Amino acid sequence: MTYNQPPGGQPWPQQGQPYRQESQYAPPGYQQPGYPSPGYPQQQYPPGYPPPGGGPRRSWLRRHPILTGIMAAFGLFVLIGVIAGIAGTASHTVTTGTAGQAGSSQSATASASSSASSSPARVGSTLTLTGNDPGEKMAVTVTRVVSHAQPVDEFSSPDPGKRFYAVQFRLADTGTTAYSDSPSNGAAVVDSAGQSYQSSIYDVAGCESFPGTENIAAGDKGLGCVVFQVPDGAKITKVQFTLDSGFGPATGQWAVRS
């Protein structure tokens, strides 16, 4: 007997595919177990491979362990800096006057009567400052102030409405360790209103600036100018200097005339 098609009018199964039989008793739309839904393509995945959209997604940080380590180190560095800043603020001193040959250091919260016994530091006075490292000590002298300094060239003009104010410092390393820092980072001037001004990157005529990094061996000295941009009408009354790029435990302060 020859059959042109399988029983029930179903098409012949393809090679490797099971023969699908539908029960005449199955309700309409009934899907027998083990067979895919009509029209839905089945895709096979190797063992352990997650299907599309399935499985937990890995963070981009977990895929870049080097970046994760850098960010963790940066966060730790910031935390240490904040803690060090808080600790340094609690014991910070401001040296505002001289008594004989020695610098008179007083706490920032000391009373006014305690500072009356010393002479105010002025141009030519030397104040001894300490740094954060053991053996770091520097005798700092304001040797000269140029209230209206001239630009060193035509490319170094101050901003409109401002002028150059230059302060010359002499740094004598009286400690037991070498000094290596940028003096301009620790210098500032203050006007009569209490406004502080940080150093600028300009040079002025007749007052050679410090290099980017000043290196002074124990027992040696260094000399250089720090230039500021201040408003034309500002009256500068104080010059300040702090070791360790402004993060040292002591600040020297000199009274000056604008």
Protein backbone atom coordinates (compact mmCIF):
# COMPACT_ATOMS: atom_id res chain seq x y z
CA MET A 1 0.00 0.00 0.00
CA THR A 2 1.34 3.44 -0.90
CA TYR A 3 0.73 6.53 1.21
CA ASN A 4 1.25 9.97 -0.31
CA GLN A 5 1.06 11.67 3.10
CA PRO A 6 1.05 10.58 6.73
CA PRO A 7 -2.19 9.73 8.51
CA GLY A 8 -4.34 12.66 9.55
CA GLY A 9 -3.32 14.86 6.64
CA GLN A 10 -0.15 16.12 8.37
CA PRO A 11 3.02 16.84 6.35
CA TRP A 12 5.91 14.42 6.52
CA PRO A 13 8.40 15.33 9.27
CA GLN A 14 11.74 16.80 8.25
CA GLN A 15 14.92 14.87 8.81
CA GLY A 16 15.89 14.91 12.46
CA GLN A 17 12.52 16.25 13.58
CA PRO A 18 10.06 14.18 15.59
CA TYR A 19 6.76 13.22 14.07
CA ARG A 20 4.07 15.42 15.45
CA GLN A 21 0.72 13.86 16.04
CA GLU A 22 -2.29 15.85 16.99
CA SER A 23 -4.97 14.25 18.99
CA GLN A 24 -8.41 14.54 17.62
CA TYR A 25 -9.56 15.02 21.16
CA ALA A 26 -7.30 18.04 21.86
CA PRO A 27 -9.14 21.34 22.26
CA PRO A 28 -8.51 24.12 19.75
CA GLY A 29 -5.15 25.89 20.42
CA TYR A 30 -3.89 23.11 22.68
CA GLN A 31 -0.10 22.83 22.57
CA GLN A 32 1.27 19.38 23.24
CA PRO A 33 4.27 19.15 25.58
CA GLY A 34 7.71 19.13 24.00
CA TYR A 35 6.80 21.18 20.92
CA PRO A 36 7.44 24.89 20.40
CA SER A 37 4.67 27.37 19.86
CA PRO A 38 3.79 27.88 16.20
CA GLY A 39 5.92 30.58 14.59
CA TYR A 40 8.29 31.00 17.57
CA PRO A 41 11.92 30.35 16.56
CA GLN A 42 13.84 28.30 19.09
CA GLN A 43 17.51 29.16 19.61
CA GLN A 44 19.92 26.89 21.36
CA TYR A 45 22.60 28.32 23.72
CA PRO A 46 25.68 26.52 25.04
CA PRO A 47 25.61 25.41 28.66
CA GLY A 48 26.06 28.34 31.07
CA TYR A 49 25.38 31.01 28.44
CA PRO A 50 22.68 33.43 29.63
CA PRO A 51 19.78 34.09 27.26
CA PRO A 52 19.29 37.64 25.97
CA GLY A 53 18.11 39.93 28.77
CA GLY A 54 18.64 37.26 31.39
CA GLY A 55 21.15 36.88 34.17
CA PRO A 56 22.75 39.56 36.35
CA ARG A 57 24.57 42.37 34.59
CA ARG A 58 28.10 43.26 35.69
CA SER A 59 28.90 46.85 36.51
CA TRP A 60 31.37 48.64 34.22
CA LEU A 61 33.57 49.22 37.28
CA ARG A 62 33.74 45.48 37.90
CA ARG A 63 34.87 45.02 34.32
CA HIS A 64 37.68 47.58 34.87
CA PRO A 65 39.55 46.61 38.05
CA ILE A 66 42.32 49.16 37.39
CA LEU A 67 39.83 52.06 37.32
CA THR A 68 38.19 50.70 40.45
CA GLY A 69 41.55 50.69 42.24
CA ILE A 70 42.38 54.23 41.09
CA MET A 71 39.03 55.57 42.29
CA ALA A 72 39.39 53.82 45.63
CA ALA A 73 42.91 55.24 46.09
CA PHE A 74 41.70 58.74 45.16
CA GLY A 75 38.86 58.52 47.68
CA LEU A 76 41.32 57.43 50.38
CA PHE A 77 43.65 60.31 49.48
CA VAL A 78 40.81 62.84 49.77
CA LEU A 79 39.76 61.37 53.11
CA ILE A 80 43.31 61.58 54.47
CA GLY A 81 43.59 65.18 53.24
CA VAL A 82 40.35 66.16 54.99
CA ILE A 83 41.45 64.53 58.24
CA ALA A 84 44.88 66.15 58.03
CA GLY A 85 43.29 69.53 57.31
CA ILE A 86 40.99 69.26 60.32
CA ALA A 87 43.85 68.17 62.56
CA GLY A 88 46.13 70.93 61.24
CA THR A 89 43.50 73.64 61.75
CA ALA A 90 43.12 72.72 65.41
CA SER A 91 46.81 73.47 66.15
CA HIS A 92 47.58 76.15 63.57
CA THR A 93 49.50 79.19 64.81
CA VAL A 94 49.92 82.68 63.36
CA THR A 95 53.22 84.46 64.01
CA THR A 96 52.53 88.20 63.94
CA GLY A 97 55.43 89.76 65.83
CA THR A 98 59.00 89.52 66.99
CA ALA A 99 60.40 89.68 70.52
CA GLY A 100 64.13 90.39 70.37
CA GLN A 101 65.71 87.90 67.93
CA ALA A 102 63.12 85.13 68.32
CA GLY A 103 59.83 84.82 66.54
CA SER A 104 56.72 85.02 68.73
CA SER A 105 54.22 82.32 67.75
CA GLN A 106 50.69 82.62 69.03
CA SER A 107 47.57 80.56 68.54
CA ALA A 108 44.95 81.89 66.15
CA THR A 109 42.56 82.03 69.14
CA ALA A 110 44.98 83.75 71.54
CA SER A 111 43.88 86.98 73.20
CA ALA A 112 45.07 90.39 72.00
CA SER A 113 46.89 91.05 75.29
CA SER A 114 49.28 88.13 74.68
CA SER A 115 50.47 89.67 71.40
CA ALA A 116 51.02 93.13 72.86
CA SER A 117 54.34 92.07 74.40
CA SER A 118 55.97 91.56 70.97
CA SER A 119 56.80 94.04 68.24
CA PRO A 120 54.72 93.69 65.07
CA ALA A 121 56.67 92.08 62.26
CA ARG A 122 57.30 94.53 59.44
CA VAL A 123 59.41 94.71 56.30
CA GLY A 124 62.87 93.54 57.30
CA SER A 125 61.64 91.36 60.20
CA THR A 126 62.44 87.64 60.31
CA LEU A 127 59.90 85.08 61.50
CA THR A 128 60.77 81.43 62.13
CA LEU A 129 58.21 78.99 60.78
CA THR A 130 57.95 75.22 61.07
CA GLY A 131 56.61 72.69 58.58
CA ASN A 132 54.74 69.43 58.86
CA ASP A 133 57.85 67.25 58.62
CA PRO A 134 60.23 66.82 61.59
CA GLY A 135 63.28 69.05 61.24
CA GLU A 136 61.55 71.41 58.79
CA LYS A 137 62.21 74.97 59.95
CA MET A 138 62.62 78.15 57.94
CA ALA A 139 63.59 81.71 58.90
CA VAL A 140 61.45 83.87 56.59
CA THR A 141 62.14 87.56 56.00
CA VAL A 142 60.10 90.06 53.98
CA THR A 143 62.94 92.08 52.49
CA ARG A 144 61.06 94.35 50.11
CA VAL A 145 57.56 95.34 48.99
CA VAL A 146 56.76 96.92 45.62
CA SER A 147 53.20 98.23 45.79
CA HIS A 148 53.00 99.26 42.11
CA ALA A 149 55.29 96.82 40.33
CA GLN A 150 55.82 97.17 36.60
CA PRO A 151 55.34 94.28 34.15
CA VAL A 152 58.51 92.59 32.96
CA ASP A 153 57.29 92.85 29.34
CA GLU A 154 54.33 93.87 27.20
CA PHE A 155 52.80 90.40 27.53
CA SER A 156 52.51 90.55 31.34
CA SER A 157 50.01 93.35 31.88
CA PRO A 158 47.62 93.07 34.84
CA ASP A 159 43.90 92.69 34.32
CA PRO A 160 41.85 95.89 33.82
CA GLY A 161 41.31 97.69 37.11
CA LYS A 162 44.17 95.85 38.84
CA ARG A 163 47.86 96.35 39.53
CA PHE A 164 50.85 94.17 40.34
CA TYR A 165 51.93 93.97 43.97
CA ALA A 166 55.28 92.24 44.55
CA VAL A 167 56.80 90.92 47.79
CA GLN A 168 60.40 89.75 48.06
CA PHE A 169 61.12 86.95 50.56
CA ARG A 170 64.39 85.60 51.90
CA LEU A 171 64.15 81.97 53.00
CA ALA A 172 66.87 80.63 55.28
CA ASP A 173 66.73 76.91 56.06
CA THR A 174 67.53 76.67 59.78
CA GLY A 175 66.23 73.12 60.19
CA THR A 176 67.81 69.74 59.67
CA THR A 177 66.06 68.81 56.43
CA ALA A 178 66.13 70.31 52.95
CA TYR A 179 63.40 72.67 51.77
CA SER A 180 61.74 71.81 48.45
CA ASP A 181 58.52 73.63 47.67
CA SER A 182 56.87 76.35 45.61
CA PRO A 183 57.04 79.50 47.80
CA SER A 184 54.35 81.29 45.80
CA ASN A 185 51.78 78.67 46.82
CA GLY A 186 52.19 79.59 50.48
CA ALA A 187 52.19 83.39 50.10
CA ALA A 188 49.23 85.78 50.34
CA VAL A 189 48.48 89.45 50.89
CA VAL A 190 45.51 90.93 52.78
CA ASP A 191 43.93 94.35 52.31
CA SER A 192 42.37 96.68 54.89
CA ALA A 193 38.94 95.11 54.34
CA GLY A 194 40.26 91.64 55.18
CA GLN A 195 40.24 90.39 51.58
CA SER A 196 43.04 87.93 50.80
CA TYR A 197 44.77 87.62 47.45
CA GLN A 198 46.71 84.60 46.19
CA SER A 199 49.83 84.78 44.05
CA SER A 200 49.76 85.09 40.26
CA ILE A 201 51.99 83.57 37.60
CA TYR A 202 53.33 86.89 36.30
CA ASP A 203 56.82 88.33 36.62
CA VAL A 204 57.64 91.97 37.29
CA ALA A 205 60.61 94.15 36.45
CA GLY A 206 63.37 94.57 39.02
CA CYS A 207 62.30 91.68 41.26
CA GLU A 208 63.24 88.18 40.14
CA SER A 209 60.56 85.59 40.91
CA PHE A 210 61.12 82.27 42.63
CA PRO A 211 61.32 79.28 40.29
CA GLY A 212 58.44 76.85 40.16
CA THR A 213 60.16 74.75 42.82
CA GLU A 214 62.73 76.24 45.18
CA ASN A 215 65.27 73.77 46.60
CA ILE A 216 67.24 74.93 49.65
CA ALA A 217 69.62 72.67 51.54
CA ALA A 218 69.81 72.83 55.33
CA GLY A 219 71.87 75.90 56.24
CA ASP A 220 71.40 77.62 52.85
CA LYS A 221 69.25 80.54 51.74
CA GLY A 222 66.97 81.47 48.86
CA LEU A 223 65.72 84.85 47.60
CA GLY A 224 62.86 85.63 45.28
CA CYS A 225 59.72 87.63 44.57
CA VAL A 226 56.08 86.62 44.66
CA VAL A 227 53.70 88.67 42.50
CA PHE A 228 50.02 89.36 43.23
CA GLN A 229 47.22 91.01 41.27
CA VAL A 230 45.23 93.36 43.49
CA PRO A 231 42.56 95.99 42.71
CA ASP A 232 43.88 99.49 42.03
CA GLY A 233 42.11 100.88 45.09
CA ALA A 234 43.02 98.06 47.50
CA LYS A 235 45.15 99.03 50.51
CA ILE A 236 47.40 96.07 51.35
CA THR A 237 48.09 95.89 55.09
CA LYS A 238 49.40 92.34 55.67
CA VAL A 239 51.72 89.84 54.01
CA GLN A 240 51.44 86.17 54.97
CA PHE A 241 53.63 83.13 54.35
CA THR A 242 53.11 79.45 55.21
CA LEU A 243 55.38 76.49 54.53
CA ASP A 244 54.30 73.32 52.71
CA SER A 245 52.46 75.25 49.97
CA GLY A 246 50.18 76.87 52.52
CA PHE A 247 49.39 73.69 54.50
CA GLY A 248 52.05 74.11 57.19
CA PRO A 249 51.16 74.39 60.89
CA ALA A 250 52.34 78.01 61.24
CA THR A 251 51.75 81.21 59.27
CA GLY A 252 54.01 84.24 59.40
CA GLN A 253 52.33 87.64 59.15
CA TRP A 254 53.97 91.01 58.46
CA ALA A 255 52.34 94.44 58.71
CA VAL A 256 53.00 96.50 55.55
CA ARG A 257 51.92 99.72 53.92
CA SER A 258 50.25 99.63 50.53
